[in-house]
Amino acid sequence: MAVPDFMLFAVVSVVTVYLPLFLQVFGYTTTQIGLLLAVFNAAGIIIPLLVTPALSRTKRLAPVLLIIAAGMAAMPVPLFRWSGFAVTVFLLALYAAFYRSAIPVCDTMINSALDGHRERYGYVRVFGSIGFVVMSLILQHFIVLEKCTLSEMTAWMSIPAVLLAVTVLPFAGVKGSAREISAAHEEPQTGNFRETVASFGAGYFLVLFVIFMQYMGMVPANQFLSLYLKDSLKSNASGFMWALNAICEIPFMFLSGRFIRRYGALPLILVCTAAVSVRMSFYAFIPNLAGVVLGQMMHSLTFGLFYPACIMYCTQASHNSRSVVVSMTLFTVAGSLANVLGSSFGGWLIDASGYRVMFCVFGFMPLAGLAVYGAMRRKVR
């Protein structure tokens, strides 16, 4: 499964690095791009939730991943052929439904293939990061936005998805219960759901608020960095900068277990949240490529260490398998909601006041989250 994971994150690289730039070439303003990214993130939450019950009943996930790959390969064709903001919203939402479903399905296949050695998941997942880096560097070398045609945009988004489908074919016989998909995406049903949520206590939701504010603070780096490089710094180094981003996260992902055992998940969450404000200050007050390099290197803390600490905290806050599902669902919703709200607000803020103001405004959000935590932590348990 290392090869399919490699190709899947090659697809992720194209979307993450160049989709905002492709939308700009297509003629949309930064405000409109922000709204489109918000729709992309929102649809990527809602639509998979609707199809998860069907997926959870299948034991053969390779055909599911093939369908997803086919959808990701096909959708760029009408996306870059049919004009109109409303049409783009609709098509981008459909693309997001396939795109956001791909990673949990692939992860489930990996765990099923490992069968009894699931602790080795990280060894396979690293090939995904390598795929992201390699594809980012390929895009950096070959794409010239000023000369990029709609056909080329379609090809860059479709061909990696086709290759993903080809690499999945040998795994057509892999079976799995798809339980992990449900755990990652399925909203718990009624019944004991409210009781499970209440069992976490106010302290858990206070930390969840900090996590939400961390994700809000990261919106400029996650959603608008490529546009910042092109529009403000007049640089075409997006691919290289995103490759640096992924390279810096890898060692901290591997070492996260040691850090968590030594310092604990919650202290790491707080430190990594504060690191987001430092990262935004690099972008805001060093308005050149050196500032971007420094900011991208901070990804080691703001994601490479932060994300595993969040996963561990959510697990530790849970009392049983059902509460783990609820806890992870709430964590996913918090991050996704931050991306939805931040994308729409960030796009408008860029057009209204510029990139520096956006970096500063979003840089204060994690600090506000920490301030609320500091003021409330003694009052809640």
Protein backbone atom coordinates (compact mmCIF):
# COMPACT_ATOMS: atom_id res chain seq x y z
CA MET A 1 0.00 0.00 0.00
CA ALA A 2 3.03 2.31 0.06
CA VAL A 3 2.72 3.02 -3.68
CA PRO A 4 -1.02 3.95 -3.61
CA ASP A 5 -0.33 6.16 -0.58
CA PHE A 6 2.51 7.81 -2.51
CA MET A 7 0.20 8.55 -5.44
CA LEU A 8 -2.68 9.69 -3.22
CA PHE A 9 -0.54 12.37 -1.63
CA ALA A 10 0.73 13.36 -5.05
CA VAL A 11 -2.92 14.23 -5.75
CA VAL A 12 -3.10 16.04 -2.40
CA SER A 13 -0.02 18.06 -3.40
CA VAL A 14 -1.63 19.35 -6.60
CA VAL A 15 -4.79 20.40 -4.77
CA THR A 16 -3.00 21.97 -1.81
CA VAL A 17 -0.34 23.85 -3.73
CA TYR A 18 -1.95 24.80 -7.02
CA LEU A 19 -5.75 24.69 -6.79
CA PRO A 20 -5.95 28.30 -5.42
CA LEU A 21 -3.59 29.45 -8.17
CA PHE A 22 -5.55 27.60 -10.86
CA LEU A 23 -8.74 29.27 -9.63
CA GLN A 24 -7.01 32.64 -9.85
CA VAL A 25 -5.89 31.94 -13.42
CA PHE A 26 -9.49 30.92 -14.12
CA GLY A 27 -10.45 34.53 -13.30
CA TYR A 28 -11.63 34.57 -9.69
CA THR A 29 -10.72 37.26 -7.14
CA THR A 30 -9.09 36.45 -3.82
CA THR A 31 -12.42 36.96 -2.03
CA GLN A 32 -14.12 34.53 -4.42
CA ILE A 33 -11.27 32.02 -4.03
CA GLY A 34 -11.68 32.23 -0.25
CA LEU A 35 -15.38 31.45 -0.59
CA LEU A 36 -14.65 28.58 -2.98
CA LEU A 37 -12.12 27.10 -0.56
CA ALA A 38 -14.69 27.44 2.22
CA VAL A 39 -17.20 25.51 0.09
CA PHE A 40 -14.51 22.95 -0.71
CA ASN A 41 -13.81 22.37 2.98
CA ALA A 42 -17.50 22.35 3.96
CA ALA A 43 -18.51 19.90 1.22
CA GLY A 44 -15.57 17.72 2.15
CA ILE A 45 -17.13 17.31 5.60
CA ILE A 46 -20.82 16.99 4.78
CA ILE A 47 -20.86 14.73 1.74
CA PRO A 48 -18.58 11.98 3.15
CA LEU A 49 -20.79 11.90 6.25
CA LEU A 50 -23.73 11.01 4.02
CA VAL A 51 -21.96 8.15 2.26
CA THR A 52 -20.09 6.73 5.27
CA PRO A 53 -22.92 4.35 6.34
CA ALA A 54 -22.79 2.68 2.92
CA LEU A 55 -19.00 2.48 2.99
CA SER A 56 -19.01 0.98 6.49
CA ARG A 57 -20.95 -2.05 5.21
CA THR A 58 -18.46 -3.01 2.50
CA LYS A 59 -15.50 -5.32 3.07
CA ARG A 60 -13.75 -4.59 -0.21
CA LEU A 61 -12.39 -1.07 -0.20
CA ALA A 62 -10.18 -1.23 -3.30
CA PRO A 63 -13.20 -0.81 -5.64
CA VAL A 64 -14.33 2.13 -3.47
CA LEU A 65 -10.92 3.78 -3.77
CA LEU A 66 -10.97 3.12 -7.52
CA ILE A 67 -14.30 4.96 -7.80
CA ILE A 68 -12.92 7.82 -5.72
CA ALA A 69 -9.81 8.03 -7.91
CA ALA A 70 -11.97 7.98 -11.04
CA GLY A 71 -14.06 10.82 -9.63
CA MET A 72 -10.96 12.88 -8.87
CA ALA A 73 -9.67 12.20 -12.37
CA ALA A 74 -12.94 13.14 -14.08
CA MET A 75 -14.09 16.21 -12.13
CA PRO A 76 -11.30 18.61 -13.26
CA VAL A 77 -12.57 18.31 -16.84
CA PRO A 78 -15.87 20.16 -16.30
CA LEU A 79 -14.34 22.24 -13.48
CA PHE A 80 -12.01 24.02 -15.91
CA ARG A 81 -14.34 23.90 -18.91
CA TRP A 82 -17.58 25.35 -17.54
CA SER A 83 -17.49 28.93 -16.32
CA GLY A 84 -19.62 30.76 -13.78
CA PHE A 85 -19.14 31.09 -10.04
CA ALA A 86 -22.22 29.03 -9.11
CA VAL A 87 -21.17 26.24 -11.49
CA THR A 88 -17.66 26.22 -10.01
CA VAL A 89 -19.11 26.04 -6.49
CA PHE A 90 -21.17 22.98 -7.45
CA LEU A 91 -18.35 21.19 -9.29
CA LEU A 92 -15.79 21.96 -6.58
CA ALA A 93 -18.17 20.54 -3.96
CA LEU A 94 -18.47 17.32 -5.97
CA TYR A 95 -14.70 17.11 -6.35
CA ALA A 96 -14.31 17.63 -2.59
CA ALA A 97 -16.64 14.69 -1.92
CA PHE A 98 -14.22 12.35 -3.71
CA TYR A 99 -11.06 14.07 -2.48
CA ARG A 100 -11.98 14.16 1.23
CA SER A 101 -13.08 10.51 1.18
CA ALA A 102 -9.81 9.24 -0.32
CA ILE A 103 -7.47 9.46 2.69
CA PRO A 104 -9.66 7.60 5.25
CA VAL A 105 -10.41 4.86 2.73
CA CYS A 106 -6.73 4.49 1.86
CA ASP A 107 -5.79 4.49 5.55
CA THR A 108 -8.28 1.71 6.19
CA MET A 109 -6.82 -0.36 3.36
CA ILE A 110 -3.32 0.16 4.79
CA ASN A 111 -4.38 -1.03 8.24
CA SER A 112 -6.18 -4.02 6.73
CA ALA A 113 -3.12 -4.94 4.68
CA LEU A 114 -0.85 -4.73 7.74
CA ASP A 115 -3.14 -7.19 9.60
CA GLY A 116 -1.76 -7.50 13.09
CA HIS A 117 1.13 -5.09 12.57
CA ARG A 118 -0.78 -1.83 12.59
CA GLU A 119 1.91 -0.17 14.66
CA ARG A 120 3.86 -0.10 11.38
CA TYR A 121 1.34 2.30 9.81
CA GLY A 122 3.81 5.19 10.15
CA TYR A 123 6.32 3.35 8.00
CA VAL A 124 3.78 3.25 5.17
CA ARG A 125 2.42 6.75 5.78
CA VAL A 126 5.86 8.29 5.29
CA PHE A 127 5.60 7.33 1.60
CA GLY A 128 2.61 9.68 1.43
CA SER A 129 4.77 12.56 2.67
CA ILE A 130 7.45 11.60 0.16
CA GLY A 131 4.83 11.59 -2.60
CA PHE A 132 3.72 15.08 -1.55
CA VAL A 133 7.32 16.34 -1.64
CA VAL A 134 8.15 14.74 -4.99
CA MET A 135 4.98 16.01 -6.68
CA SER A 136 5.47 19.51 -5.26
CA LEU A 137 8.96 19.64 -6.75
CA ILE A 138 7.71 18.32 -10.11
CA LEU A 139 5.00 20.99 -10.18
CA GLN A 140 7.58 23.62 -9.23
CA HIS A 141 9.77 22.62 -12.18
CA PHE A 142 7.16 22.30 -14.91
CA ILE A 143 4.29 24.70 -14.17
CA VAL A 144 4.55 28.28 -15.38
CA LEU A 145 1.29 29.90 -14.31
CA GLU A 146 1.52 32.76 -16.80
CA LYS A 147 1.53 30.22 -19.64
CA CYS A 148 -0.62 27.51 -18.04
CA THR A 149 -3.65 26.66 -20.16
CA LEU A 150 -6.94 25.21 -18.93
CA SER A 151 -6.03 21.90 -20.57
CA GLU A 152 -2.76 21.80 -18.65
CA MET A 153 -4.54 22.55 -15.36
CA THR A 154 -6.95 19.71 -16.06
CA ALA A 155 -4.08 17.34 -16.86
CA TRP A 156 -2.12 18.19 -13.72
CA MET A 157 -5.13 17.47 -11.54
CA SER A 158 -6.38 14.40 -13.44
CA ILE A 159 -3.27 12.41 -14.35
CA PRO A 160 -2.08 11.76 -10.74
CA ALA A 161 -5.58 10.51 -9.91
CA VAL A 162 -5.45 8.13 -12.90
CA LEU A 163 -2.09 6.83 -11.69
CA LEU A 164 -3.58 6.38 -8.23
CA ALA A 165 -6.30 4.19 -9.72
CA VAL A 166 -3.69 2.09 -11.54
CA THR A 167 -1.72 1.49 -8.33
CA VAL A 168 -4.85 0.43 -6.45
CA LEU A 169 -5.76 -2.35 -8.91
CA PRO A 170 -3.38 -4.97 -7.40
CA PHE A 171 -5.15 -4.57 -4.04
CA ALA A 172 -8.63 -5.38 -5.32
CA GLY A 173 -8.79 -8.40 -3.01
CA VAL A 174 -7.96 -6.53 0.21
CA LYS A 175 -10.82 -6.76 2.69
CA GLY A 176 -11.65 -4.56 5.63
CA SER A 177 -14.59 -3.67 7.82
CA ALA A 178 -14.14 0.03 7.09
CA ARG A 179 -14.54 0.67 10.80
CA GLU A 180 -11.79 3.25 10.62
CA ILE A 181 -13.80 5.21 8.06
CA SER A 182 -16.70 5.40 10.43
CA ALA A 183 -14.41 6.47 13.24
CA ALA A 184 -12.92 9.23 11.16
CA HIS A 185 -16.03 10.58 9.46
CA GLU A 186 -19.28 9.14 10.72
CA GLU A 187 -21.22 11.40 13.03
CA PRO A 188 -22.41 9.38 16.02
CA GLN A 189 -26.07 8.50 15.95
CA THR A 190 -28.70 9.57 18.44
CA GLY A 191 -29.26 7.73 21.68
CA ASN A 192 -26.26 7.99 23.98
CA PHE A 193 -24.52 10.64 21.92
CA ARG A 194 -25.44 13.51 24.25
CA GLU A 195 -24.39 11.51 27.28
CA THR A 196 -21.07 10.70 25.64
CA VAL A 197 -20.45 14.37 24.80
CA ALA A 198 -21.35 15.41 28.36
CA SER A 199 -18.94 12.84 29.78
CA PHE A 200 -15.93 14.74 28.46
CA GLY A 201 -16.43 17.66 30.81
CA ALA A 202 -15.81 21.36 30.30
CA GLY A 203 -12.03 20.97 30.34
CA TYR A 204 -12.08 18.92 27.16
CA PHE A 205 -14.14 21.53 25.32
CA LEU A 206 -11.85 24.29 26.54
CA VAL A 207 -8.90 22.47 24.95
CA LEU A 208 -11.01 21.86 21.85
CA PHE A 209 -11.54 25.62 21.64
CA VAL A 210 -7.76 26.11 21.76
CA ILE A 211 -7.41 23.58 18.94
CA PHE A 212 -10.07 25.42 16.93
CA MET A 213 -8.19 28.70 17.36
CA GLN A 214 -4.93 27.01 16.35
CA TYR A 215 -6.54 25.84 13.12
CA MET A 216 -7.96 29.33 12.56
CA GLY A 217 -4.48 30.77 12.96
CA MET A 218 -3.13 28.30 10.41
CA VAL A 219 -5.60 29.25 7.66
CA PRO A 220 -3.24 31.76 5.95
CA ALA A 221 -0.51 29.12 5.67
CA ASN A 222 -2.85 26.28 4.70
CA GLN A 223 -5.11 28.13 2.26
CA PHE A 224 -3.46 31.30 0.97
CA LEU A 225 0.31 30.73 0.95
CA SER A 226 0.52 29.98 -2.77
CA LEU A 227 -1.45 33.15 -3.58
CA TYR A 228 0.77 35.18 -1.23
CA LEU A 229 3.91 33.98 -2.98
CA LYS A 230 2.54 34.80 -6.41
CA ASP A 231 0.68 38.05 -5.74
CA SER A 232 2.76 39.71 -3.04
CA LEU A 233 6.27 38.32 -3.45
CA LYS A 234 6.01 37.81 -7.24
CA SER A 235 7.49 34.35 -6.80
CA ASN A 236 6.72 31.05 -8.49
CA ALA A 237 8.33 29.03 -5.69
CA SER A 238 5.07 27.56 -4.36
CA GLY A 239 6.02 23.98 -5.11
CA PHE A 240 9.39 24.29 -3.38
CA MET A 241 7.91 25.98 -0.31
CA TRP A 242 5.23 23.32 0.11
CA ALA A 243 7.85 20.59 -0.33
CA LEU A 244 9.86 22.23 2.48
CA ASN A 245 6.66 22.26 4.53
CA ALA A 246 6.25 18.48 4.24
CA ILE A 247 9.96 17.73 4.72
CA CYS A 248 10.01 19.59 8.03
CA GLU A 249 7.00 17.71 9.43
CA ILE A 250 8.38 14.21 8.85
CA PRO A 251 11.03 13.98 11.62
CA PHE A 252 8.70 15.51 14.20
CA MET A 253 5.97 13.05 13.24
CA PHE A 254 8.39 10.21 13.93
CA LEU A 255 9.62 11.71 17.20
CA SER A 256 6.20 12.85 18.43
CA GLY A 257 5.75 9.74 20.59
CA ARG A 258 8.86 10.54 22.59
CA PHE A 259 7.81 14.16 23.09
CA ILE A 260 4.32 13.13 24.19
CA ARG A 261 5.63 10.58 26.66
CA ARG A 262 8.03 13.12 28.17
CA TYR A 263 5.94 16.30 28.24
CA GLY A 264 2.34 15.16 27.82
CA ALA A 265 -0.14 15.86 25.02
CA LEU A 266 -1.78 18.98 26.48
CA PRO A 267 1.41 21.01 27.11
CA LEU A 268 2.53 20.24 23.55
CA ILE A 269 -0.82 21.41 22.18
CA LEU A 270 -0.43 24.72 24.03
CA VAL A 271 3.18 25.24 22.92
CA CYS A 272 2.40 24.36 19.30
CA THR A 273 -0.59 26.71 19.35
CA ALA A 274 1.66 29.56 20.46
CA ALA A 275 4.07 28.59 17.68
CA VAL A 276 1.40 29.47 15.10
CA SER A 277 1.60 33.13 16.14
CA VAL A 278 5.38 33.02 15.68
CA ARG A 279 4.88 31.46 12.26
CA MET A 280 2.44 34.18 11.18
CA SER A 281 4.87 36.87 12.41
CA PHE A 282 7.54 35.50 10.09
CA TYR A 283 5.20 35.92 7.12
CA ALA A 284 3.98 39.35 8.25
CA PHE A 285 7.21 41.06 9.32
CA ILE A 286 9.75 39.41 7.02
CA PRO A 287 7.96 40.04 3.71
CA ASN A 288 10.30 38.09 1.48
CA LEU A 289 11.23 34.50 0.68
CA ALA A 290 13.37 34.23 3.82
CA GLY A 291 10.27 34.90 5.91
CA VAL A 292 8.36 32.24 4.04
CA VAL A 293 11.17 29.71 4.53
CA LEU A 294 11.19 30.40 8.27
CA GLY A 295 7.42 30.13 8.38
CA GLN A 296 7.40 26.84 6.50
CA MET A 297 10.02 25.38 8.82
CA MET A 298 7.64 26.08 11.72
CA HIS A 299 5.38 23.40 10.22
CA SER A 300 7.48 20.97 12.23
CA LEU A 301 5.71 22.27 15.36
CA THR A 302 2.43 23.66 14.08
CA PHE A 303 1.50 20.34 12.43
CA GLY A 304 4.24 17.71 12.75
CA LEU A 305 4.08 17.76 16.56
CA PHE A 306 0.69 19.41 17.08
CA TYR A 307 -1.40 16.86 15.19
CA PRO A 308 -0.13 13.73 16.97
CA ALA A 309 -0.51 15.55 20.32
CA CYS A 310 -4.16 16.30 19.46
CA ILE A 311 -4.80 12.69 18.48
CA MET A 312 -3.31 11.51 21.77
CA TYR A 313 -5.26 14.06 23.82
CA CYS A 314 -8.56 13.07 22.19
CA THR A 315 -7.79 9.41 22.88
CA GLN A 316 -6.82 10.05 26.49
CA ALA A 317 -9.97 12.11 27.07
CA SER A 318 -12.13 9.15 25.96
CA HIS A 319 -13.48 6.45 28.26
CA ASN A 320 -14.42 3.77 25.75
CA SER A 321 -14.43 3.01 22.03
CA ARG A 322 -17.64 4.97 21.45
CA SER A 323 -16.28 8.06 23.16
CA VAL A 324 -13.11 7.79 21.05
CA VAL A 325 -15.29 8.05 17.93
CA VAL A 326 -17.14 11.05 19.37
CA SER A 327 -13.93 12.73 20.50
CA MET A 328 -12.26 12.30 17.11
CA THR A 329 -15.39 13.51 15.34
CA LEU A 330 -15.46 16.68 17.44
CA PHE A 331 -11.76 17.21 16.76
CA THR A 332 -12.30 16.81 13.02
CA VAL A 333 -15.28 19.16 13.04
CA ALA A 334 -13.32 21.80 14.98
CA GLY A 335 -10.49 21.83 12.45
CA SER A 336 -12.76 21.69 9.42
CA LEU A 337 -15.04 24.45 10.72
CA ALA A 338 -11.99 26.64 11.29
CA ASN A 339 -10.95 26.13 7.67
CA VAL A 340 -14.45 26.96 6.41
CA LEU A 341 -14.76 30.17 8.43
CA GLY A 342 -11.14 31.18 8.00
CA SER A 343 -11.09 30.70 4.23
CA SER A 344 -14.08 32.95 3.60
CA PHE A 345 -12.89 35.61 6.06
CA GLY A 346 -9.26 35.43 4.90
CA GLY A 347 -10.10 35.92 1.23
CA TRP A 348 -12.16 39.01 2.02
CA LEU A 349 -9.44 40.36 4.35
CA ILE A 350 -6.76 40.04 1.69
CA ASP A 351 -8.78 42.04 -0.83
CA ALA A 352 -9.73 44.62 1.80
CA SER A 353 -6.43 45.14 3.64
CA GLY A 354 -3.68 43.01 2.15
CA TYR A 355 -1.69 39.97 3.15
CA ARG A 356 0.22 41.50 6.07
CA VAL A 357 -2.99 42.46 7.85
CA MET A 358 -4.34 38.97 7.26
CA PHE A 359 -1.24 37.36 8.77
CA CYS A 360 -1.42 39.67 11.79
CA VAL A 361 -5.14 39.17 12.39
CA PHE A 362 -4.92 35.39 12.15
CA GLY A 363 -1.72 35.39 14.19
CA PHE A 364 -3.61 36.86 17.15
CA MET A 365 -6.26 34.12 17.09
CA PRO A 366 -4.11 31.37 18.68
CA LEU A 367 -3.02 33.84 21.36
CA ALA A 368 -6.67 34.65 22.04
CA GLY A 369 -7.39 30.95 22.39
CA LEU A 370 -4.52 30.55 24.86
CA ALA A 371 -5.68 33.61 26.80
CA VAL A 372 -9.17 32.15 27.16
CA TYR A 373 -7.65 28.85 28.25
CA GLY A 374 -5.44 30.56 30.83
CA ALA A 375 -8.39 32.51 32.25
CA MET A 376 -10.78 29.55 32.35
CA ARG A 377 -8.64 26.50 33.11
CA ARG A 378 -8.91 26.84 36.90
CA LYS A 379 -12.68 27.18 36.70
CA VAL A 380 -13.21 24.00 34.68
CA ARG A 381 -12.09 20.41 35.04
